[in-house]
Protein backbone atom coordinates (compact mmCIF):
# COMPACT_ATOMS: atom_id res chain seq x y z
CA MET A 1 5.57 -0.25 -12.38
CA GLU A 2 7.85 2.11 -10.51
CA LEU A 3 8.02 1.90 -6.72
CA THR A 4 10.45 3.34 -4.21
CA ALA A 5 10.99 1.75 -0.81
CA GLN A 6 12.46 3.28 2.32
CA GLN A 7 12.87 1.92 5.83
CA ARG A 8 11.25 4.21 8.43
CA GLY A 9 11.22 3.09 12.02
CA ASP A 10 10.13 -0.53 12.09
CA ALA A 11 8.18 -0.23 8.83
CA LEU A 12 8.99 -0.35 5.16
CA VAL A 13 7.33 2.55 3.31
CA VAL A 14 6.70 1.74 -0.35
CA ARG A 15 5.68 4.63 -2.57
CA VAL A 16 3.88 4.07 -5.84
CA GLU A 17 5.47 6.49 -8.32
CA GLU A 18 2.71 6.21 -10.92
CA ALA A 19 -0.76 7.75 -11.25
CA ARG A 20 -2.74 4.58 -11.97
CA ILE A 21 -3.12 1.09 -10.60
CA ASP A 22 -5.51 -0.53 -13.05
CA ALA A 23 -5.94 -3.67 -15.13
CA ALA A 24 -3.06 -2.67 -17.40
CA VAL A 25 -0.51 -2.62 -14.56
CA ALA A 26 -2.03 -4.81 -11.81
CA ILE A 27 0.24 -7.79 -12.47
CA ALA A 28 3.34 -5.58 -12.67
CA PHE A 29 2.28 -3.84 -9.43
CA LYS A 30 1.92 -7.16 -7.58
CA GLU A 31 5.31 -8.36 -8.81
CA ALA A 32 7.04 -5.08 -7.93
CA MET A 33 5.47 -5.18 -4.46
CA ARG A 34 6.57 -8.80 -3.94
CA GLN A 35 10.13 -7.78 -4.75
CA ALA A 36 10.01 -4.64 -2.60
CA THR A 37 8.54 -6.47 0.41
CA GLY A 38 10.81 -9.50 0.39
CA GLY A 39 12.49 -8.48 3.66
CA PRO A 40 11.49 -9.25 7.24
CA GLN A 41 9.54 -6.05 8.01
CA ARG A 42 6.37 -6.79 9.95
CA ARG A 43 4.78 -3.54 8.76
CA VAL A 44 4.57 -2.29 5.21
CA VAL A 45 3.05 1.14 4.54
CA LEU A 46 1.91 1.63 0.95
CA ASP A 47 2.09 5.32 0.03
CA LEU A 48 -0.62 5.96 -2.56
CA GLY A 49 -0.23 9.76 -2.60
CA ARG A 50 0.59 9.87 -6.31
CA VAL A 51 -2.13 7.41 -7.37
CA THR A 52 -5.15 9.22 -8.77
CA PHE A 53 -6.94 6.19 -10.26
CA LEU A 54 -7.53 2.70 -8.90
CA ASP A 55 -9.97 0.28 -10.54
CA SER A 56 -11.22 -3.12 -9.37
CA SER A 57 -8.12 -4.83 -10.76
CA GLY A 58 -5.93 -2.40 -8.83
CA LEU A 59 -7.94 -2.98 -5.68
CA GLY A 60 -7.57 -6.72 -6.18
CA ALA A 61 -3.83 -6.27 -6.59
CA VAL A 62 -3.58 -4.37 -3.29
CA VAL A 63 -5.56 -7.13 -1.53
CA SER A 64 -3.30 -9.73 -3.17
CA VAL A 65 -0.23 -7.96 -1.78
CA MET A 66 -1.80 -7.98 1.69
CA LYS A 67 -2.42 -11.73 1.43
CA HIS A 68 1.09 -12.32 0.10
CA LEU A 69 2.57 -10.69 3.21
CA GLY A 70 0.91 -13.36 5.32
CA PRO A 71 -0.57 -13.36 8.80
CA GLY A 72 2.54 -12.16 10.66
CA ARG A 73 2.90 -8.99 8.60
CA ARG A 74 0.50 -6.18 7.82
CA LEU A 75 -0.09 -3.82 4.94
CA GLU A 76 -1.18 -0.29 5.82
CA LEU A 77 -2.19 2.39 3.34
CA ALA A 78 -1.29 6.07 3.41
CA ALA A 79 -2.02 9.36 1.66
CA LEU A 80 -4.98 8.17 -0.41
CA THR A 81 -6.14 10.70 -2.98
CA PRO A 82 -9.91 11.43 -2.93
CA ASN A 83 -10.75 9.14 -5.88
CA VAL A 84 -8.74 6.24 -4.45
CA ALA A 85 -10.19 6.77 -0.96
CA LYS A 86 -13.67 6.62 -2.50
CA VAL A 87 -12.95 3.19 -4.02
CA PHE A 88 -11.86 1.86 -0.62
CA ARG A 89 -14.94 3.38 1.05
CA LEU A 90 -17.45 2.12 -1.53
CA THR A 91 -16.06 -1.42 -1.39
CA ARG A 92 -15.81 -1.26 2.42
CA MET A 93 -12.14 -2.14 2.19
CA ASP A 94 -11.47 0.88 4.39
CA GLY A 95 -12.50 -1.42 7.25
CA VAL A 96 -9.95 -4.05 6.22
CA PHE A 97 -6.88 -1.83 5.97
CA THR A 98 -5.36 0.65 8.40
CA ILE A 99 -5.44 3.90 6.45
CA HIS A 100 -3.28 6.89 7.38
CA GLY A 101 -4.08 10.39 6.11
CA SER A 102 -0.41 10.90 5.32
CA VAL A 103 2.71 8.79 5.47
CA PRO A 104 3.42 8.36 9.18
CA ASP A 105 6.77 9.69 10.36
CA ALA A 106 9.47 7.36 11.59
CA ALA A 107 8.72 8.05 15.26
CA SER A 108 5.08 7.01 15.00
CA LEU A 109 6.03 3.99 12.92
CA ARG A 110 8.52 2.91 15.56
CA HIS A 111 5.99 3.12 18.39
CA ALA A 112 2.84 1.85 16.69
CA GLY A 113 1.71 -1.60 17.69
């Protein structure tokens, strides 16, 4: 599972560089996210702009990452493609996560609460 991480403002933006988060890669995704988010950032923005398919295992992996971050840190989602956004809507997980239409710029990340 290929991810890239970049510090922007007070948040770590992690971009998924693959088209699918499904049962075949869910464990690798969780492990890659644990490694990428090992720092002290209170906010992690997961850029899903390249992900065109997310199944229930992928959704479970995203929730697992959120739980792994713990109560003092939060996972936000950004740039969901239509199919991925539909999964979050249908499962009502869009009410659990903060979802940005695009990756927020550094200024808005610095000033968001």
